[in-house]
C-alpha atoms as a PDB file:
ATOM      1  CA  MET A   1    -110.812  53.621  29.491  1.00  0.00           C
ATOM      2  CA  GLY A   2    -107.511  55.046  30.710  1.00  0.00           C
ATOM      3  CA  ARG A   3    -106.376  58.643  30.363  1.00  0.00           C
ATOM      4  CA  LEU A   4    -103.235  60.119  28.808  1.00  0.00           C
ATOM      5  CA  ILE A   5    -101.887  62.838  31.096  1.00  0.00           C
ATOM      6  CA  SER A   6     -98.968  65.246  30.851  1.00  0.00           C
ATOM      7  CA  MET A   7     -96.097  65.580  33.297  1.00  0.00           C
ATOM      8  CA  PRO A   8     -96.488  68.803  35.331  1.00  0.00           C
ATOM      9  CA  ASN A   9     -94.385  71.785  34.266  1.00  0.00           C
ATOM     10  CA  GLY A  10     -91.062  71.876  36.092  1.00  0.00           C
ATOM     11  CA  LEU A  11     -91.119  68.193  37.034  1.00  0.00           C
ATOM     12  CA  TRP A  12     -87.769  66.946  35.743  1.00  0.00           C
ATOM     13  CA  PRO A  13     -85.929  63.789  36.806  1.00  0.00           C
ATOM     14  CA  ARG A  14     -82.401  63.968  38.182  1.00  0.00           C
ATOM     15  CA  SER A  15     -81.377  60.882  36.234  1.00  0.00           C
ATOM     16  CA  ILE A  16     -82.857  58.405  33.781  1.00  0.00           C
ATOM     17  CA  GLU A  17     -81.782  54.859  33.013  1.00  0.00           C
ATOM     18  CA  PRO A  18     -83.055  52.388  30.404  1.00  0.00           C
ATOM     19  CA  LEU A  19     -83.662  49.043  32.110  1.00  0.00           C
ATOM     20  CA  SER A  20     -84.420  47.012  29.012  1.00  0.00           C
ATOM     21  CA  GLY A  21     -83.604  47.452  25.378  1.00  0.00           C
ATOM     22  CA  PRO A  22     -83.427  45.268  22.272  1.00  0.00           C
ATOM     23  CA  ARG A  23     -84.271  41.676  23.094  1.00  0.00           C
ATOM     24  CA  ALA A  24     -82.980  38.467  21.546  1.00  0.00           C
ATOM     25  CA  VAL A  25     -84.651  35.072  21.366  1.00  0.00           C
ATOM     26  CA  GLY A  26     -83.309  31.568  21.048  1.00  0.00           C
ATOM     27  CA  GLY A  27     -80.114  31.836  23.124  1.00  0.00           C
ATOM     28  CA  ALA A  28     -79.340  28.725  25.178  1.00  0.00           C
ATOM     29  CA  ALA A  29     -82.246  26.837  23.658  1.00  0.00           C
ATOM     30  CA  ASN A  30     -80.569  26.903  20.245  1.00  0.00           C
ATOM     31  CA  SER A  31     -76.999  26.017  21.171  1.00  0.00           C
ATOM     32  CA  SER A  32     -75.274  23.791  18.625  1.00  0.00           C
ATOM     33  CA  ILE A  33     -73.004  20.760  19.138  1.00  0.00           C
ATOM     34  CA  GLY A  34     -70.065  23.175  18.993  1.00  0.00           C
ATOM     35  CA  ASN A  35     -71.715  25.256  21.746  1.00  0.00           C
ATOM     36  CA  PHE A  36     -72.539  28.080  19.338  1.00  0.00           C
ATOM     37  CA  MET A  37     -75.423  30.172  20.677  1.00  0.00           C
ATOM     38  CA  GLN A  38     -77.742  31.179  17.874  1.00  0.00           C
ATOM     39  CA  THR A  39     -79.764  34.280  18.657  1.00  0.00           C
ATOM     40  CA  VAL A  40     -82.073  36.373  16.513  1.00  0.00           C
ATOM     41  CA  ALA A  41     -83.510  39.827  17.006  1.00  0.00           C
ATOM     42  CA  SER A  42     -86.885  39.792  18.694  1.00  0.00           C
ATOM     43  CA  PRO A  43     -89.833  41.534  17.010  1.00  0.00           C
ATOM     44  CA  PHE A  44     -91.342  42.297  20.403  1.00  0.00           C
ATOM     45  CA  GLY A  45     -90.205  44.212  23.444  1.00  0.00           C
ATOM     46  CA  GLY A  46     -90.242  47.886  24.287  1.00  0.00           C
ATOM     47  CA  TRP A  47     -88.641  50.541  26.431  1.00  0.00           C
ATOM     48  CA  ARG A  48     -88.554  50.259  30.211  1.00  0.00           C
ATOM     49  CA  TRP A  49     -87.011  53.179  32.095  1.00  0.00           C
ATOM     50  CA  GLN A  50     -86.219  54.193  35.661  1.00  0.00           C
ATOM     51  CA  PHE A  51     -86.576  57.885  36.487  1.00  0.00           C
ATOM     52  CA  VAL A  52     -85.057  59.293  39.677  1.00  0.00           C
ATOM     53  CA  PHE A  53     -86.578  62.541  40.913  1.00  0.00           C
ATOM     54  CA  PRO A  54     -84.538  64.798  43.227  1.00  0.00           C
ATOM     55  CA  VAL A  55     -85.176  65.812  46.811  1.00  0.00           C
ATOM     56  CA  SER A  56     -88.169  68.150  46.817  1.00  0.00           C
ATOM     57  CA  LYS A  57     -90.692  69.973  48.923  1.00  0.00           C
ATOM     58  CA  ASP A  58     -93.534  72.473  48.689  1.00  0.00           C
ATOM     59  CA  ALA A  59     -94.943  73.000  45.172  1.00  0.00           C
ATOM     60  CA  LYS A  60     -92.482  70.664  43.483  1.00  0.00           C
ATOM     61  CA  PHE A  61     -93.443  67.770  45.721  1.00  0.00           C
ATOM     62  CA  ARG A  62     -97.146  68.535  45.336  1.00  0.00           C
ATOM     63  CA  ARG A  63     -96.780  68.365  41.548  1.00  0.00           C
ATOM     64  CA  TYR A  64     -94.842  65.084  41.829  1.00  0.00           C
ATOM     65  CA  ARG A  65     -97.312  63.324  44.156  1.00  0.00           C
ATOM     66  CA  GLY A  66    -100.232  64.551  42.066  1.00  0.00           C
ATOM     67  CA  TRP A  67     -98.654  63.112  38.923  1.00  0.00           C
ATOM     68  CA  VAL A  68     -97.942  59.761  40.625  1.00  0.00           C
ATOM     69  CA  THR A  69    -101.489  59.607  41.951  1.00  0.00           C
ATOM     70  CA  ALA A  70    -102.948  60.430  38.525  1.00  0.00           C
ATOM     71  CA  LEU A  71    -101.099  57.465  37.022  1.00  0.00           C
ATOM     72  CA  HIS A  72    -103.319  55.182  39.142  1.00  0.00           C
ATOM     73  CA  GLY A  73    -100.833  52.336  39.440  1.00  0.00           C
ATOM     74  CA  GLY A  74    -100.540  51.949  35.666  1.00  0.00           C
ATOM     75  CA  ALA A  75    -104.199  52.382  34.709  1.00  0.00           C
ATOM     76  CA  ASN A  76    -103.380  55.763  33.121  1.00  0.00           C
ATOM     77  CA  ALA A  77    -100.494  56.715  30.833  1.00  0.00           C
ATOM     78  CA  THR A  78     -98.359  59.843  30.742  1.00  0.00           C
ATOM     79  CA  ARG A  79     -96.524  61.787  28.050  1.00  0.00           C
ATOM     80  CA  VAL A  80     -92.772  61.690  28.682  1.00  0.00           C
ATOM     81  CA  PRO A  81     -90.705  64.202  26.688  1.00  0.00           C
ATOM     82  CA  PHE A  82     -87.126  63.084  26.123  1.00  0.00           C
ATOM     83  CA  GLY A  83     -84.688  65.988  26.072  1.00  0.00           C
ATOM     84  CA  ASP A  84     -81.421  64.178  25.367  1.00  0.00           C
ATOM     85  CA  PRO A  85     -78.636  65.824  27.457  1.00  0.00           C
ATOM     86  CA  ASP A  86     -76.130  64.381  24.974  1.00  0.00           C
ATOM     87  CA  MET A  87     -77.922  65.673  21.882  1.00  0.00           C
ATOM     88  CA  MET A  88     -75.802  67.139  19.085  1.00  0.00           C
ATOM     89  CA  SER A  89     -75.081  70.853  19.316  1.00  0.00           C
ATOM     90  CA  LEU A  90     -77.251  73.356  17.456  1.00  0.00           C
ATOM     91  CA  LEU A  91     -74.295  73.991  15.157  1.00  0.00           C
ATOM     92  CA  ASP A  92     -74.074  70.272  14.341  1.00  0.00           C
ATOM     93  CA  ALA A  93     -77.842  70.311  13.810  1.00  0.00           C
ATOM     94  CA  GLY A  94     -77.387  72.860  11.014  1.00  0.00           C
ATOM     95  CA  MET A  95     -78.225  76.074  12.848  1.00  0.00           C
ATOM     96  CA  THR A  96     -76.168  79.236  13.151  1.00  0.00           C
ATOM     97  CA  VAL A  97     -76.852  80.993  16.452  1.00  0.00           C
ATOM     98  CA  THR A  98     -74.697  83.027  18.786  1.00  0.00           C
ATOM     99  CA  PRO A  99     -73.885  81.788  22.296  1.00  0.00           C
ATOM    100  CA  ALA A 100     -76.096  84.562  23.677  1.00  0.00           C
ATOM    101  CA  GLN A 101     -79.022  83.501  21.485  1.00  0.00           C
ATOM    102  CA  GLU A 102     -78.568  79.891  22.512  1.00  0.00           C
ATOM    103  CA  ARG A 103     -78.497  80.842  26.187  1.00  0.00           C
ATOM    104  CA  PHE A 104     -81.187  83.535  26.308  1.00  0.00           C
ATOM    105  CA  GLY A 105     -83.359  82.602  23.344  1.00  0.00           C
ATOM    106  CA  LEU A 106     -84.898  84.742  20.611  1.00  0.00           C
ATOM    107  CA  PRO A 107     -87.774  87.276  20.665  1.00  0.00           C
ATOM    108  CA  TRP A 108     -90.718  87.350  18.297  1.00  0.00           C
ATOM    109  CA  GLY A 109     -90.192  88.717  14.792  1.00  0.00           C
ATOM    110  CA  ASN A 110     -91.203  92.199  15.985  1.00  0.00           C
ATOM    111  CA  GLY A 111     -88.526  92.153  18.676  1.00  0.00           C
ATOM    112  CA  GLU A 112     -91.021  91.623  21.514  1.00  0.00           C
ATOM    113  CA  THR A 113     -90.788  88.908  24.176  1.00  0.00           C
ATOM    114  CA  TRP A 114     -93.559  86.841  25.750  1.00  0.00           C
ATOM    115  CA  SER A 115     -95.718  88.571  28.359  1.00  0.00           C
ATOM    116  CA  ASN A 116     -93.470  87.182  31.125  1.00  0.00           C
ATOM    117  CA  GLY A 117     -90.419  88.797  29.544  1.00  0.00           C
ATOM    118  CA  GLN A 118     -88.970  85.516  28.302  1.00  0.00           C
ATOM    119  CA  ASN A 119     -87.754  84.793  24.772  1.00  0.00           C
ATOM    120  CA  TRP A 120     -88.389  81.749  22.635  1.00  0.00           C
ATOM    121  CA  LYS A 121     -85.992  78.936  23.518  1.00  0.00           C
ATOM    122  CA  VAL A 122     -83.778  78.024  20.561  1.00  0.00           C
ATOM    123  CA  THR A 123     -84.238  74.370  19.614  1.00  0.00           C
ATOM    124  CA  ALA A 124     -83.003  72.143  16.825  1.00  0.00           C
ATOM    125  CA  PRO A 125     -85.187  72.336  13.697  1.00  0.00           C
ATOM    126  CA  ASN A 126     -87.455  69.594  12.441  1.00  0.00           C
ATOM    127  CA  VAL A 127     -86.602  67.518   9.362  1.00  0.00           C
ATOM    128  CA  ALA A 128     -89.064  66.142   6.807  1.00  0.00           C
ATOM    129  CA  VAL A 129     -89.427  62.398   6.313  1.00  0.00           C
ATOM    130  CA  ALA A 130     -88.124  61.545   2.822  1.00  0.00           C
ATOM    131  CA  ALA A 131     -89.819  58.167   2.273  1.00  0.00           C
ATOM    132  CA  VAL A 132     -92.807  56.277   3.598  1.00  0.00           C
ATOM    133  CA  ALA A 133     -92.154  53.502   6.108  1.00  0.00           C
ATOM    134  CA  ALA A 134     -94.575  50.875   7.362  1.00  0.00           C
ATOM    135  CA  LEU A 135     -95.500  50.071  10.936  1.00  0.00           C
ATOM    136  CA  ASP A 136     -92.717  47.937  12.505  1.00  0.00           C
ATOM    137  CA  ALA A 137     -90.158  49.036   9.882  1.00  0.00           C
ATOM    138  CA  THR A 138     -86.584  49.517  11.089  1.00  0.00           C
ATOM    139  CA  ILE A 139     -85.258  51.558   8.137  1.00  0.00           C
ATOM    140  CA  ILE A 140     -86.160  55.243   7.740  1.00  0.00           C
ATOM    141  CA  ARG A 141     -85.088  58.003   5.346  1.00  0.00           C
ATOM    142  CA  LEU A 142     -84.858  61.710   6.123  1.00  0.00           C
ATOM    143  CA  ALA A 143     -84.604  64.769   3.884  1.00  0.00           C
ATOM    144  CA  ASP A 144     -81.254  66.434   3.256  1.00  0.00           C
ATOM    145  CA  ALA A 145     -81.924  69.444   5.477  1.00  0.00           C
ATOM    146  CA  PHE A 146     -80.352  70.574   8.736  1.00  0.00           C
ATOM    147  CA  TRP A 147     -79.399  67.363  10.610  1.00  0.00           C
ATOM    148  CA  GLY A 148     -81.300  64.991   8.312  1.00  0.00           C
ATOM    149  CA  HIS A 149     -78.078  63.482   6.887  1.00  0.00           C
ATOM    150  CA  ARG A 150     -75.949  64.002  10.000  1.00  0.00           C
ATOM    151  CA  LEU A 151     -77.239  61.424  12.470  1.00  0.00           C
ATOM    152  CA  GLN A 152     -74.897  58.761  13.780  1.00  0.00           C
ATOM    153  CA  MET A 153     -75.163  55.641  15.905  1.00  0.00           C
ATOM    154  CA  GLY A 154     -76.686  56.428  19.295  1.00  0.00           C
ATOM    155  CA  ASP A 155     -78.659  59.543  18.336  1.00  0.00           C
ATOM    156  CA  TYR A 156     -82.232  59.720  19.637  1.00  0.00           C
ATOM    157  CA  LEU A 157     -85.097  60.911  17.455  1.00  0.00           C
ATOM    158  CA  GLY A 158     -88.860  60.811  17.212  1.00  0.00           C
ATOM    159  CA  PHE A 159     -91.604  61.814  14.792  1.00  0.00           C
ATOM    160  CA  PHE A 160     -94.713  63.978  14.635  1.00  0.00           C
ATOM    161  CA  PRO A 161     -97.545  64.810  14.307  1.00  0.00           C
ATOM    162  CA  LEU A 162     -99.407  62.373  16.557  1.00  0.00           C
ATOM    163  CA  HIS A 163     -96.578  59.878  16.943  1.00  0.00           C
ATOM    164  CA  PHE A 164     -95.473  58.483  20.306  1.00  0.00           C
ATOM    165  CA  GLY A 165     -92.077  56.810  20.190  1.00  0.00           C
ATOM    166  CA  LEU A 166     -88.412  57.125  21.118  1.00  0.00           C
ATOM    167  CA  TYR A 167     -85.984  55.691  18.571  1.00  0.00           C
ATOM    168  CA  THR A 168     -82.231  55.115  18.618  1.00  0.00           C
ATOM    169  CA  VAL A 169     -80.109  55.122  15.482  1.00  0.00           C
ATOM    170  CA  THR A 170     -78.242  51.811  15.323  1.00  0.00           C
ATOM    171  CA  GLU A 171     -76.744  52.168  11.821  1.00  0.00           C
ATOM    172  CA  GLU A 172     -76.033  55.081   9.481  1.00  0.00           C
ATOM    173  CA  ARG A 173     -76.543  53.770   5.930  1.00  0.00           C
ATOM    174  CA  GLY A 174     -75.775  56.935   3.943  1.00  0.00           C
ATOM    175  CA  ASP A 175     -77.906  59.546   2.121  1.00  0.00           C
ATOM    176  CA  GLY A 176     -80.144  60.084   5.134  1.00  0.00           C
ATOM    177  CA  GLU A 177     -81.064  56.423   5.544  1.00  0.00           C
ATOM    178  CA  TYR A 178     -80.886  54.947   9.035  1.00  0.00           C
ATOM    179  CA  ARG A 179     -81.599  51.731  10.875  1.00  0.00           C
ATOM    180  CA  ILE A 180     -83.419  52.364  14.149  1.00  0.00           C
ATOM    181  CA  TRP A 181     -84.571  50.535  17.250  1.00  0.00           C
ATOM    182  CA  PRO A 182     -87.273  49.925  18.290  1.00  0.00           C
ATOM    183  CA  PRO A 183     -89.286  49.255  15.116  1.00  0.00           C
ATOM    184  CA  LEU A 184     -91.649  52.048  14.150  1.00  0.00           C
ATOM    185  CA  ARG A 185     -94.651  52.233  16.437  1.00  0.00           C
ATOM    186  CA  LYS A 186     -96.605  54.012  13.694  1.00  0.00           C
ATOM    187  CA  ALA A 187     -96.248  54.145   9.901  1.00  0.00           C
ATOM    188  CA  LEU A 188     -94.509  57.202   8.425  1.00  0.00           C
ATOM    189  CA  THR A 189     -95.709  59.287   5.506  1.00  0.00           C
ATOM    190  CA  VAL A 190     -93.906  61.972   3.520  1.00  0.00           C
ATOM    191  CA  GLY A 191     -96.053  64.494   5.371  1.00  0.00           C
ATOM    192  CA  ASP A 192     -94.442  63.584   8.711  1.00  0.00           C
ATOM    193  CA  PHE A 193     -91.443  65.211  10.359  1.00  0.00           C
ATOM    194  CA  ALA A 194     -88.567  63.928  12.470  1.00  0.00           C
ATOM    195  CA  THR A 195     -87.558  65.674  15.677  1.00  0.00           C
ATOM    196  CA  LEU A 196     -84.655  65.476  18.109  1.00  0.00           C
ATOM    197  CA  TYR A 197     -87.160  65.967  20.962  1.00  0.00           C
ATOM    198  CA  PRO A 198     -89.215  62.744  20.959  1.00  0.00           C
ATOM    199  CA  THR A 199     -92.154  62.034  23.233  1.00  0.00           C
ATOM    200  CA  MET A 200     -93.143  58.619  24.539  1.00  0.00           C
ATOM    201  CA  ALA A 201     -96.348  57.479  26.153  1.00  0.00           C
ATOM    202  CA  MET A 202     -95.578  55.447  29.281  1.00  0.00           C
ATOM    203  CA  ARG A 203     -97.310  53.919  32.275  1.00  0.00           C
ATOM    204  CA  LEU A 204     -96.259  52.664  35.680  1.00  0.00           C
ATOM    205  CA  GLU A 205     -94.808  49.169  35.527  1.00  0.00           C
ATOM    206  CA  SER A 206     -96.873  48.116  38.545  1.00  0.00           C
ATOM    207  CA  GLU A 207     -98.766  49.517  41.510  1.00  0.00           C
ATOM    208  CA  ASP A 208     -95.555  49.770  43.544  1.00  0.00           C
ATOM    209  CA  ALA A 209     -93.431  51.241  40.727  1.00  0.00           C
ATOM    210  CA  ALA A 210     -93.549  54.736  42.257  1.00  0.00           C
ATOM    211  CA  SER A 211     -93.365  56.143  45.761  1.00  0.00           C
ATOM    212  CA  ALA A 212     -94.225  59.514  47.268  1.00  0.00           C
ATOM    213  CA  ALA A 213     -92.722  59.293  50.756  1.00  0.00           C
ATOM    214  CA  ARG A 214     -92.451  62.585  52.659  1.00  0.00           C
ATOM    215  CA  GLY A 215     -90.061  63.144  55.552  1.00  0.00           C
ATOM    216  CA  VAL A 216     -90.359  65.834  58.220  1.00  0.00           C
ATOM    217  CA  ALA A 217     -88.269  68.409  56.331  1.00  0.00           C
ATOM    218  CA  TYR A 218     -88.530  67.279  52.711  1.00  0.00           C
ATOM    219  CA  ALA A 219     -89.236  64.359  50.395  1.00  0.00           C
ATOM    220  CA  GLU A 220     -86.273  62.136  49.676  1.00  0.00           C
ATOM    221  CA  GLU A 221     -85.255  61.137  46.163  1.00  0.00           C
ATOM    222  CA  ALA A 222     -87.898  58.967  44.531  1.00  0.00           C
ATOM    223  CA  SER A 223     -87.580  56.467  41.708  1.00  0.00           C
ATOM    224  CA  VAL A 224     -90.333  55.719  39.227  1.00  0.00           C
ATOM    225  CA  MET A 225     -90.392  52.716  36.881  1.00  0.00           C
ATOM    226  CA  LEU A 226     -92.214  53.353  33.612  1.00  0.00           C
ATOM    227  CA  VAL A 227     -92.819  51.109  30.608  1.00  0.00           C
ATOM    228  CA  GLU A 228     -93.637  52.134  27.065  1.00  0.00           C
ATOM    229  CA  VAL A 229     -97.207  52.262  25.809  1.00  0.00           C
ATOM    230  CA  PHE A 230     -97.204  51.671  22.056  1.00  0.00           C
ATOM    231  CA  ASP A 231     -98.631  54.411  19.871  1.00  0.00           C
ATOM    232  CA  TYR A 232    -101.563  52.312  18.638  1.00  0.00           C
ATOM    233  CA  ASP A 233    -102.427  51.252  22.191  1.00  0.00           C
ATOM    234  CA  VAL A 234    -102.548  54.887  23.280  1.00  0.00           C
ATOM    235  CA  ARG A 235    -105.338  55.504  20.782  1.00  0.00           C
ATOM    236  CA  ASP A 236    -107.226  52.331  21.683  1.00  0.00           C
ATOM    237  CA  TYR A 237    -106.969  52.358  25.476  1.00  0.00           C
ATOM    238  CA  PHE A 238    -105.871  55.785  26.749  1.00  0.00           C
ATOM    239  CA  ALA A 239    -108.135  58.185  24.881  1.00  0.00           C
ATOM    240  CA  ASP A 240    -110.331  59.497  27.699  1.00  0.00           C
END
């Protein structure tokens, strides 16, 4: 059975690009006499992304090549956290923090920092799920708290606990109800929470979907092609 591994700390791509998104079926095959192309939304299909990692050397390259090796050509999966660089501001997310707090973080309640002298990083709060939703549903409802009624088309979100999936809002329907793509990879309960920091499980698209070439002075930029592993498949096939 395959393993589910984490990306090493500090390993961040320089750019990311979705290579496939919502699919349609029945295009040319269903053209009418008037040349009308009838298409319908496909119930299948998932995310496929290209990640480009920057020039690196020393520890950063060791972490990268170790991660690529651990993926074993797609036999193992990896957790991929999605920190959206275009995410709404903390103010839009319903938080009131100063620029200094946003930049330097916040200490513990007793005013102390972590042992390394660093504060907590300020992040957008979580929002409770307001209604149950079945596996493969495309309509969700969120509680009226923080950003729960403030999402718009194009916002990314995910769910927890124990939920792998990256979802895009495709329609804002009012009162915290949204249409999303892809369909839910796992059913939602009213005990679940939504987050603006989703995590996907992904695997290499093929054995040659990643490279770890090293030049004399440094490793050049490297691209990695990853495809989504559905939440239920993670539990069935990547639980070692």
